[in-house]
């Protein structure tokens, strides 16, 4: 689907200029792509109308830009937009210019059709695993959505990307084995109660953390062997360190250096 939208080139940038634009009933926007970047102002009512329309996020927009060097209309897509968390108003819009002669990649929403799946009617739980699909196509072939008929799914069944009906000129880029929609078996009340009970017991019966070192439990099997090996290794390292410290003293003695006690006795003999 294609929409017409009027825009104007703006020269001022910055937060202050953006606030002034919003106070004047306009919103700042940026158009980039095709080797050019333009700063624009848009009418927020028109932007909101397009975004809330069917296929708004994938809609082609024909931009008529006042003040641009080229008077020709530009074709663009909504790439991103920012919304005020309080008022819900649109604060800023990013537009991506496309060429109608080049294929592009875009996210397209998944729409479930066919009514309530058979498995859900029997008590199953519907899982909408992928809500968007990555597709590659020419701009003119961008679908508003990818329709998936899940009405025949029984409990334990699902539809993968490879099982989707291909659209002409549209290539799915997601992994073929990814699940798009499925129906899971419901959890029985007994199983749910047992799960909740076990979780409650685990939380209530958790032992408090002990601060400090207490008496260790005896180790068995591989744990004991590993600890014994660690102790032996530590003892060998200590012994090696002691031997290394003793080597200089032995070397001094070998070179003829007298111990302190022998030196003291020699001095006393000289005095006599």
C-alpha atoms as a PDB file:
ATOM      1  CA  UNK A   1       0.000   0.000   0.000  1.00  0.00           C
ATOM      2  CA  UNK A   2       1.262   3.477  -0.862  1.00  0.00           C
ATOM      3  CA  UNK A   3       0.519   6.831   0.797  1.00  0.00           C
ATOM      4  CA  UNK A   4       1.228  10.423  -0.186  1.00  0.00           C
ATOM      5  CA  UNK A   5       2.876  12.658   2.387  1.00  0.00           C
ATOM      6  CA  UNK A   6       4.010  16.275   2.279  1.00  0.00           C
ATOM      7  CA  UNK A   7       7.270  17.372   3.944  1.00  0.00           C
ATOM      8  CA  UNK A   8       9.428  20.463   4.249  1.00  0.00           C
ATOM      9  CA  UNK A   9      13.193  20.827   4.464  1.00  0.00           C
ATOM     10  CA  UNK A  10      14.378  22.200   7.820  1.00  0.00           C
ATOM     11  CA  UNK A  11      17.664  23.927   8.490  1.00  0.00           C
ATOM     12  CA  UNK A  12      17.822  24.051  12.277  1.00  0.00           C
ATOM     13  CA  UNK A  13      18.982  21.074  14.324  1.00  0.00           C
ATOM     14  CA  UNK A  14      19.249  20.326  18.025  1.00  0.00           C
ATOM     15  CA  UNK A  15      16.872  19.696  20.910  1.00  0.00           C
ATOM     16  CA  UNK A  16      15.782  23.313  21.159  1.00  0.00           C
ATOM     17  CA  UNK A  17      14.821  23.485  17.486  1.00  0.00           C
ATOM     18  CA  UNK A  18      12.984  20.152  17.755  1.00  0.00           C
ATOM     19  CA  UNK A  19      10.947  21.380  20.745  1.00  0.00           C
ATOM     20  CA  UNK A  20      10.049  24.555  18.873  1.00  0.00           C
ATOM     21  CA  UNK A  21       8.857  22.493  15.897  1.00  0.00           C
ATOM     22  CA  UNK A  22       6.601  20.393  18.133  1.00  0.00           C
ATOM     23  CA  UNK A  23       5.179  23.512  19.754  1.00  0.00           C
ATOM     24  CA  UNK A  24       4.329  24.722  16.238  1.00  0.00           C
ATOM     25  CA  UNK A  25       2.450  21.515  15.466  1.00  0.00           C
ATOM     26  CA  UNK A  26       5.195  19.800  13.435  1.00  0.00           C
ATOM     27  CA  UNK A  27       7.545  16.911  14.128  1.00  0.00           C
ATOM     28  CA  UNK A  28      11.208  16.584  13.071  1.00  0.00           C
ATOM     29  CA  UNK A  29      12.174  13.808  10.673  1.00  0.00           C
ATOM     30  CA  UNK A  30      15.226  12.516   8.824  1.00  0.00           C
ATOM     31  CA  UNK A  31      15.270  11.002   5.328  1.00  0.00           C
ATOM     32  CA  UNK A  32      18.365   8.963   4.496  1.00  0.00           C
ATOM     33  CA  UNK A  33      19.385   6.356   1.950  1.00  0.00           C
ATOM     34  CA  UNK A  34      20.358   6.553  -1.731  1.00  0.00           C
ATOM     35  CA  UNK A  35      23.477   8.520  -0.791  1.00  0.00           C
ATOM     36  CA  UNK A  36      21.701  11.555   0.683  1.00  0.00           C
ATOM     37  CA  UNK A  37      20.418  12.723   4.068  1.00  0.00           C
ATOM     38  CA  UNK A  38      17.712  15.374   4.428  1.00  0.00           C
ATOM     39  CA  UNK A  39      16.345  17.018   7.569  1.00  0.00           C
ATOM     40  CA  UNK A  40      12.569  17.351   7.266  1.00  0.00           C
ATOM     41  CA  UNK A  41       9.444  18.419   9.108  1.00  0.00           C
ATOM     42  CA  UNK A  42       6.230  16.395   8.890  1.00  0.00           C
ATOM     43  CA  UNK A  43       2.598  16.751   9.865  1.00  0.00           C
ATOM     44  CA  UNK A  44       2.043  14.512  12.926  1.00  0.00           C
ATOM     45  CA  UNK A  45      -1.578  13.801  11.983  1.00  0.00           C
ATOM     46  CA  UNK A  46      -0.566  12.373   8.610  1.00  0.00           C
ATOM     47  CA  UNK A  47       2.195  10.262  10.166  1.00  0.00           C
ATOM     48  CA  UNK A  48      -0.170   8.865  12.822  1.00  0.00           C
ATOM     49  CA  UNK A  49      -2.791   8.051  10.194  1.00  0.00           C
ATOM     50  CA  UNK A  50      -0.303   6.059   8.104  1.00  0.00           C
ATOM     51  CA  UNK A  51       1.190   4.205  11.076  1.00  0.00           C
ATOM     52  CA  UNK A  52      -2.261   3.166  12.335  1.00  0.00           C
ATOM     53  CA  UNK A  53      -3.423   2.001   8.914  1.00  0.00           C
ATOM     54  CA  UNK A  54      -3.267  -1.570   7.641  1.00  0.00           C
ATOM     55  CA  UNK A  55       0.344  -2.408   6.910  1.00  0.00           C
ATOM     56  CA  UNK A  56       1.470   0.982   8.187  1.00  0.00           C
ATOM     57  CA  UNK A  57       4.937  -0.194   9.234  1.00  0.00           C
ATOM     58  CA  UNK A  58       5.578  -1.588   5.736  1.00  0.00           C
ATOM     59  CA  UNK A  59       3.699   1.073   3.737  1.00  0.00           C
ATOM     60  CA  UNK A  60       5.439   2.852   0.891  1.00  0.00           C
ATOM     61  CA  UNK A  61       5.369   6.643   1.278  1.00  0.00           C
ATOM     62  CA  UNK A  62       5.542   9.034  -1.649  1.00  0.00           C
ATOM     63  CA  UNK A  63       7.194  12.171  -0.245  1.00  0.00           C
ATOM     64  CA  UNK A  64       6.662  15.581  -1.815  1.00  0.00           C
ATOM     65  CA  UNK A  65       9.416  17.718  -0.272  1.00  0.00           C
ATOM     66  CA  UNK A  66       9.104  21.497  -0.315  1.00  0.00           C
ATOM     67  CA  UNK A  67      12.481  23.255  -0.440  1.00  0.00           C
ATOM     68  CA  UNK A  68      14.405  20.280  -1.859  1.00  0.00           C
ATOM     69  CA  UNK A  69      16.721  20.736  -4.846  1.00  0.00           C
ATOM     70  CA  UNK A  70      14.809  18.040  -6.729  1.00  0.00           C
ATOM     71  CA  UNK A  71      11.074  18.462  -7.197  1.00  0.00           C
ATOM     72  CA  UNK A  72      10.589  14.758  -7.896  1.00  0.00           C
ATOM     73  CA  UNK A  73       8.757  12.730  -5.260  1.00  0.00           C
ATOM     74  CA  UNK A  74      10.835  10.398  -3.090  1.00  0.00           C
ATOM     75  CA  UNK A  75       9.696   6.905  -2.130  1.00  0.00           C
ATOM     76  CA  UNK A  76      10.452   5.901   1.448  1.00  0.00           C
ATOM     77  CA  UNK A  77       9.594   3.532   4.305  1.00  0.00           C
ATOM     78  CA  UNK A  78       9.231   4.138   8.019  1.00  0.00           C
ATOM     79  CA  UNK A  79      12.494   2.912   9.523  1.00  0.00           C
ATOM     80  CA  UNK A  80      11.924   4.043  13.106  1.00  0.00           C
ATOM     81  CA  UNK A  81       9.962   6.529  15.193  1.00  0.00           C
ATOM     82  CA  UNK A  82       9.924   7.769  18.780  1.00  0.00           C
ATOM     83  CA  UNK A  83       6.789   8.145  20.901  1.00  0.00           C
ATOM     84  CA  UNK A  84       6.227  10.288  23.992  1.00  0.00           C
ATOM     85  CA  UNK A  85       5.718   7.810  26.878  1.00  0.00           C
ATOM     86  CA  UNK A  86       3.194  10.117  28.560  1.00  0.00           C
ATOM     87  CA  UNK A  87       1.082  11.605  25.772  1.00  0.00           C
ATOM     88  CA  UNK A  88       1.636   8.929  23.125  1.00  0.00           C
ATOM     89  CA  UNK A  89       2.453  11.610  20.546  1.00  0.00           C
ATOM     90  CA  UNK A  90       5.121  11.024  17.920  1.00  0.00           C
ATOM     91  CA  UNK A  91       8.361  12.873  18.698  1.00  0.00           C
ATOM     92  CA  UNK A  92      10.627  11.964  15.781  1.00  0.00           C
ATOM     93  CA  UNK A  93      10.551   9.902  12.570  1.00  0.00           C
ATOM     94  CA  UNK A  94      13.300   8.177  10.577  1.00  0.00           C
ATOM     95  CA  UNK A  95      12.502   7.552   6.910  1.00  0.00           C
ATOM     96  CA  UNK A  96      14.512   5.309   4.594  1.00  0.00           C
ATOM     97  CA  UNK A  97      14.498   6.156   0.907  1.00  0.00           C
ATOM     98  CA  UNK A  98      14.261   3.161  -1.426  1.00  0.00           C
ATOM     99  CA  UNK A  99      14.748   2.547  -5.110  1.00  0.00           C
ATOM    100  CA  UNK A 100      11.848   0.860  -6.843  1.00  0.00           C
ATOM    101  CA  UNK A 101      14.338  -1.097  -8.963  1.00  0.00           C
ATOM    102  CA  UNK A 102      16.298  -2.684  -6.101  1.00  0.00           C
ATOM    103  CA  UNK A 103      15.235  -5.479  -3.743  1.00  0.00           C
ATOM    104  CA  UNK A 104      15.186  -4.661  -0.025  1.00  0.00           C
ATOM    105  CA  UNK A 105      14.940  -6.603   3.219  1.00  0.00           C
ATOM    106  CA  UNK A 106      12.207  -5.712   5.661  1.00  0.00           C
ATOM    107  CA  UNK A 107      10.275  -7.105   8.627  1.00  0.00           C
ATOM    108  CA  UNK A 108       6.655  -7.991   7.879  1.00  0.00           C
ATOM    109  CA  UNK A 109       4.084  -8.810  10.610  1.00  0.00           C
ATOM    110  CA  UNK A 110       2.553 -12.305  10.791  1.00  0.00           C
ATOM    111  CA  UNK A 111      -1.255 -12.443  10.764  1.00  0.00           C
ATOM    112  CA  UNK A 112      -3.067 -15.585  11.966  1.00  0.00           C
ATOM    113  CA  UNK A 113      -6.187 -16.386   9.943  1.00  0.00           C
ATOM    114  CA  UNK A 114      -8.739 -19.194   9.767  1.00  0.00           C
ATOM    115  CA  UNK A 115     -10.247 -18.817  13.219  1.00  0.00           C
ATOM    116  CA  UNK A 116      -9.471 -20.644  16.449  1.00  0.00           C
ATOM    117  CA  UNK A 117      -7.182 -23.682  15.951  1.00  0.00           C
ATOM    118  CA  UNK A 118      -8.763 -27.110  16.547  1.00  0.00           C
ATOM    119  CA  UNK A 119      -6.251 -27.906  19.284  1.00  0.00           C
ATOM    120  CA  UNK A 120      -7.125 -24.743  21.194  1.00  0.00           C
ATOM    121  CA  UNK A 121     -10.803 -25.744  21.150  1.00  0.00           C
ATOM    122  CA  UNK A 122      -9.781 -28.983  22.854  1.00  0.00           C
ATOM    123  CA  UNK A 123      -7.955 -27.120  25.599  1.00  0.00           C
ATOM    124  CA  UNK A 124      -4.543 -26.581  24.012  1.00  0.00           C
ATOM    125  CA  UNK A 125      -2.490 -23.406  24.348  1.00  0.00           C
ATOM    126  CA  UNK A 126      -1.686 -21.304  21.278  1.00  0.00           C
ATOM    127  CA  UNK A 127       1.920 -20.068  20.968  1.00  0.00           C
ATOM    128  CA  UNK A 128       2.571 -17.296  18.424  1.00  0.00           C
ATOM    129  CA  UNK A 129       6.322 -17.878  18.247  1.00  0.00           C
ATOM    130  CA  UNK A 130       7.202 -15.463  15.419  1.00  0.00           C
ATOM    131  CA  UNK A 131       5.196 -12.264  15.151  1.00  0.00           C
ATOM    132  CA  UNK A 132       7.399 -10.850  12.374  1.00  0.00           C
ATOM    133  CA  UNK A 133       9.221 -12.413   9.438  1.00  0.00           C
ATOM    134  CA  UNK A 134      12.258 -11.099   7.604  1.00  0.00           C
ATOM    135  CA  UNK A 135      11.575 -11.011   3.877  1.00  0.00           C
ATOM    136  CA  UNK A 136      13.417  -9.881   0.761  1.00  0.00           C
ATOM    137  CA  UNK A 137      11.504  -8.457  -2.190  1.00  0.00           C
ATOM    138  CA  UNK A 138      11.114  -5.493  -4.487  1.00  0.00           C
ATOM    139  CA  UNK A 139       9.526  -2.420  -2.832  1.00  0.00           C
ATOM    140  CA  UNK A 140       6.362  -2.745  -4.920  1.00  0.00           C
ATOM    141  CA  UNK A 141       5.907  -6.366  -3.734  1.00  0.00           C
ATOM    142  CA  UNK A 142       6.096  -5.695   0.028  1.00  0.00           C
ATOM    143  CA  UNK A 143       3.097  -7.451   1.613  1.00  0.00           C
ATOM    144  CA  UNK A 144       1.048  -5.793   4.331  1.00  0.00           C
ATOM    145  CA  UNK A 145       1.394  -9.005   6.361  1.00  0.00           C
ATOM    146  CA  UNK A 146       2.142 -12.716   6.028  1.00  0.00           C
ATOM    147  CA  UNK A 147      -1.081 -14.646   6.568  1.00  0.00           C
ATOM    148  CA  UNK A 148      -0.757 -18.014   8.334  1.00  0.00           C
ATOM    149  CA  UNK A 149      -3.741 -20.369   8.590  1.00  0.00           C
ATOM    150  CA  UNK A 150      -3.441 -22.196  11.919  1.00  0.00           C
ATOM    151  CA  UNK A 151      -7.070 -23.397  12.129  1.00  0.00           C
ATOM    152  CA  UNK A 152      -6.216 -27.069  11.492  1.00  0.00           C
ATOM    153  CA  UNK A 153      -3.480 -27.354  14.120  1.00  0.00           C
ATOM    154  CA  UNK A 154      -4.004 -30.077  16.712  1.00  0.00           C
ATOM    155  CA  UNK A 155      -2.356 -30.256  20.135  1.00  0.00           C
ATOM    156  CA  UNK A 156       1.374 -30.821  19.670  1.00  0.00           C
ATOM    157  CA  UNK A 157       1.437 -29.512  16.104  1.00  0.00           C
ATOM    158  CA  UNK A 158       2.922 -26.351  14.637  1.00  0.00           C
ATOM    159  CA  UNK A 159       3.866 -24.534  11.437  1.00  0.00           C
ATOM    160  CA  UNK A 160       7.502 -23.842  10.532  1.00  0.00           C
ATOM    161  CA  UNK A 161       8.864 -21.175   8.193  1.00  0.00           C
ATOM    162  CA  UNK A 162       9.553 -23.830   5.534  1.00  0.00           C
ATOM    163  CA  UNK A 163       5.873 -24.823   5.596  1.00  0.00           C
ATOM    164  CA  UNK A 164       4.547 -21.351   4.783  1.00  0.00           C
ATOM    165  CA  UNK A 165       2.919 -20.749   1.423  1.00  0.00           C
ATOM    166  CA  UNK A 166       5.416 -18.664  -0.562  1.00  0.00           C
ATOM    167  CA  UNK A 167       4.287 -15.366  -2.040  1.00  0.00           C
ATOM    168  CA  UNK A 168       5.268 -14.389  -5.540  1.00  0.00           C
ATOM    169  CA  UNK A 169       8.384 -12.250  -5.495  1.00  0.00           C
ATOM    170  CA  UNK A 170       8.828 -12.596  -1.702  1.00  0.00           C
ATOM    171  CA  UNK A 171      11.673 -14.610  -0.164  1.00  0.00           C
ATOM    172  CA  UNK A 172      11.646 -15.630   3.515  1.00  0.00           C
ATOM    173  CA  UNK A 173      15.002 -14.923   5.178  1.00  0.00           C
ATOM    174  CA  UNK A 174      14.396 -16.576   8.586  1.00  0.00           C
ATOM    175  CA  UNK A 175      15.704 -20.073   9.375  1.00  0.00           C
ATOM    176  CA  UNK A 176      13.484 -22.666   7.725  1.00  0.00           C
ATOM    177  CA  UNK A 177      13.179 -24.726  10.939  1.00  0.00           C
ATOM    178  CA  UNK A 178      11.938 -21.835  13.066  1.00  0.00           C
ATOM    179  CA  UNK A 179       8.439 -22.310  14.496  1.00  0.00           C
ATOM    180  CA  UNK A 180       5.943 -19.628  13.501  1.00  0.00           C
ATOM    181  CA  UNK A 181       2.877 -20.825  15.423  1.00  0.00           C
ATOM    182  CA  UNK A 182       2.124 -23.929  17.500  1.00  0.00           C
ATOM    183  CA  UNK A 183      -0.438 -25.476  19.847  1.00  0.00           C
ATOM    184  CA  UNK A 184       0.923 -26.939  23.079  1.00  0.00           C
ATOM    185  CA  UNK A 185      -0.744 -29.392  25.449  1.00  0.00           C
ATOM    186  CA  UNK A 186      -2.313 -27.772  28.502  1.00  0.00           C
ATOM    187  CA  UNK A 187      -0.749 -28.304  31.894  1.00  0.00           C
ATOM    188  CA  UNK A 188      -2.915 -30.456  34.153  1.00  0.00           C
ATOM    189  CA  UNK A 189      -4.094 -29.049  37.465  1.00  0.00           C
ATOM    190  CA  UNK A 190      -2.298 -31.835  39.333  1.00  0.00           C
ATOM    191  CA  UNK A 191       0.997 -31.072  37.586  1.00  0.00           C
ATOM    192  CA  UNK A 192       0.577 -27.339  38.122  1.00  0.00           C
ATOM    193  CA  UNK A 193      -0.225 -27.863  41.803  1.00  0.00           C
ATOM    194  CA  UNK A 194       2.759 -30.195  42.218  1.00  0.00           C
ATOM    195  CA  UNK A 195       5.021 -27.646  40.513  1.00  0.00           C
ATOM    196  CA  UNK A 196       3.806 -24.797  42.689  1.00  0.00           C
ATOM    197  CA  UNK A 197       4.053 -26.941  45.821  1.00  0.00           C
ATOM    198  CA  UNK A 198       7.598 -28.073  45.055  1.00  0.00           C
ATOM    199  CA  UNK A 199       8.641 -24.492  44.364  1.00  0.00           C
ATOM    200  CA  UNK A 200       7.108 -23.305  47.635  1.00  0.00           C
ATOM    201  CA  UNK A 201       8.808 -26.118  49.587  1.00  0.00           C
ATOM    202  CA  UNK A 202      12.145 -25.349  47.963  1.00  0.00           C
ATOM    203  CA  UNK A 203      11.934 -21.682  48.895  1.00  0.00           C
ATOM    204  CA  UNK A 204      10.660 -22.336  52.441  1.00  0.00           C
ATOM    205  CA  UNK A 205      13.059 -25.194  53.166  1.00  0.00           C
ATOM    206  CA  UNK A 206      16.161 -23.477  51.887  1.00  0.00           C
ATOM    207  CA  UNK A 207      18.893 -23.590  54.551  1.00  0.00           C
ATOM    208  CA  UNK A 208      20.280 -20.226  55.694  1.00  0.00           C
ATOM    209  CA  UNK A 209      23.760 -19.376  54.531  1.00  0.00           C
ATOM    210  CA  UNK A 210      26.341 -19.997  57.269  1.00  0.00           C
ATOM    211  CA  UNK A 211      28.894 -17.259  57.799  1.00  0.00           C
ATOM    212  CA  UNK A 212      32.298 -18.607  58.679  1.00  0.00           C
ATOM    213  CA  UNK A 213      33.958 -21.956  58.244  1.00  0.00           C
ATOM    214  CA  UNK A 214      32.230 -24.949  59.755  1.00  0.00           C
ATOM    215  CA  UNK A 215      33.004 -28.619  59.952  1.00  0.00           C
ATOM    216  CA  UNK A 216      33.328 -30.046  56.481  1.00  0.00           C
ATOM    217  CA  UNK A 217      31.499 -33.167  55.405  1.00  0.00           C
ATOM    218  CA  UNK A 218      33.689 -36.177  54.542  1.00  0.00           C
ATOM    219  CA  UNK A 219      34.405 -36.535  50.845  1.00  0.00           C
ATOM    220  CA  UNK A 220      33.970 -39.699  48.885  1.00  0.00           C
ATOM    221  CA  UNK A 221      35.026 -41.071  45.513  1.00  0.00           C
ATOM    222  CA  UNK A 222      36.447 -38.655  42.974  1.00  0.00           C
ATOM    223  CA  UNK A 223      36.041 -35.643  45.280  1.00  0.00           C
ATOM    224  CA  UNK A 224      38.314 -37.264  47.877  1.00  0.00           C
ATOM    225  CA  UNK A 225      40.915 -38.176  45.244  1.00  0.00           C
ATOM    226  CA  UNK A 226      40.875 -34.649  43.829  1.00  0.00           C
ATOM    227  CA  UNK A 227      41.231 -33.060  47.269  1.00  0.00           C
ATOM    228  CA  UNK A 228      44.033 -35.459  48.208  1.00  0.00           C
ATOM    229  CA  UNK A 229      45.869 -34.650  44.998  1.00  0.00           C
ATOM    230  CA  UNK A 230      45.481 -30.930  45.690  1.00  0.00           C
ATOM    231  CA  UNK A 231      46.858 -31.325  49.240  1.00  0.00           C
ATOM    232  CA  UNK A 232      49.802 -33.395  47.961  1.00  0.00           C
ATOM    233  CA  UNK A 233      50.550 -30.831  45.298  1.00  0.00           C
ATOM    234  CA  UNK A 234      50.468 -28.042  47.881  1.00  0.00           C
ATOM    235  CA  UNK A 235      52.835 -30.025  50.160  1.00  0.00           C
ATOM    236  CA  UNK A 236      55.255 -30.624  47.309  1.00  0.00           C
ATOM    237  CA  UNK A 237      55.244 -26.933  46.489  1.00  0.00           C
ATOM    238  CA  UNK A 238      55.983 -26.040  50.136  1.00  0.00           C
ATOM    239  CA  UNK A 239      58.833 -28.546  50.252  1.00  0.00           C
ATOM    240  CA  UNK A 240      60.300 -27.194  47.031  1.00  0.00           C
ATOM    241  CA  UNK A 241      60.113 -23.663  48.447  1.00  0.00           C
ATOM    242  CA  UNK A 242      61.960 -24.745  51.599  1.00  0.00           C
ATOM    243  CA  UNK A 243      64.649 -26.487  49.587  1.00  0.00           C
ATOM    244  CA  UNK A 244      65.104 -23.395  47.467  1.00  0.00           C
ATOM    245  CA  UNK A 245      65.544 -21.259  50.602  1.00  0.00           C
ATOM    246  CA  UNK A 246      68.108 -23.668  52.025  1.00  0.00           C
ATOM    247  CA  UNK A 247      70.229 -23.816  48.866  1.00  0.00           C
ATOM    248  CA  UNK A 248      71.951 -20.410  49.382  1.00  0.00           C
ATOM    249  CA  UNK A 249      73.082 -21.362  52.904  1.00  0.00           C
ATOM    250  CA  UNK A 250      74.500 -24.655  51.619  1.00  0.00           C
ATOM    251  CA  UNK A 251      76.234 -22.832  48.821  1.00  0.00           C
ATOM    252  CA  UNK A 252      77.815 -20.354  51.250  1.00  0.00           C
ATOM    253  CA  UNK A 253      79.176 -23.182  53.334  1.00  0.00           C
ATOM    254  CA  UNK A 254      80.568 -24.954  50.293  1.00  0.00           C
ATOM    255  CA  UNK A 255      82.456 -21.807  49.221  1.00  0.00           C
ATOM    256  CA  UNK A 256      84.250 -21.699  52.576  1.00  0.00           C
ATOM    257  CA  UNK A 257      82.251 -19.104  54.380  1.00  0.00           C
ATOM    258  CA  UNK A 258      82.366 -19.737  58.090  1.00  0.00           C
ATOM    259  CA  UNK A 259      79.268 -19.928  60.208  1.00  0.00           C
ATOM    260  CA  UNK A 260      78.726 -17.167  62.769  1.00  0.00           C
ATOM    261  CA  UNK A 261      79.508 -19.450  65.736  1.00  0.00           C
ATOM    262  CA  UNK A 262      82.932 -20.438  64.306  1.00  0.00           C
ATOM    263  CA  UNK A 263      83.811 -16.782  63.635  1.00  0.00           C
ATOM    264  CA  UNK A 264      83.033 -15.900  67.278  1.00  0.00           C
ATOM    265  CA  UNK A 265      85.320 -18.688  68.610  1.00  0.00           C
ATOM    266  CA  UNK A 266      88.165 -17.551  66.359  1.00  0.00           C
ATOM    267  CA  UNK A 267      87.946 -14.012  67.715  1.00  0.00           C
ATOM    268  CA  UNK A 268      88.113 -15.256  71.330  1.00  0.00           C
ATOM    269  CA  UNK A 269      91.290 -17.331  70.557  1.00  0.00           C
ATOM    270  CA  UNK A 270      93.012 -14.247  69.164  1.00  0.00           C
ATOM    271  CA  UNK A 271      92.248 -12.292  72.351  1.00  0.00           C
ATOM    272  CA  UNK A 272      93.963 -14.976  74.483  1.00  0.00           C
END
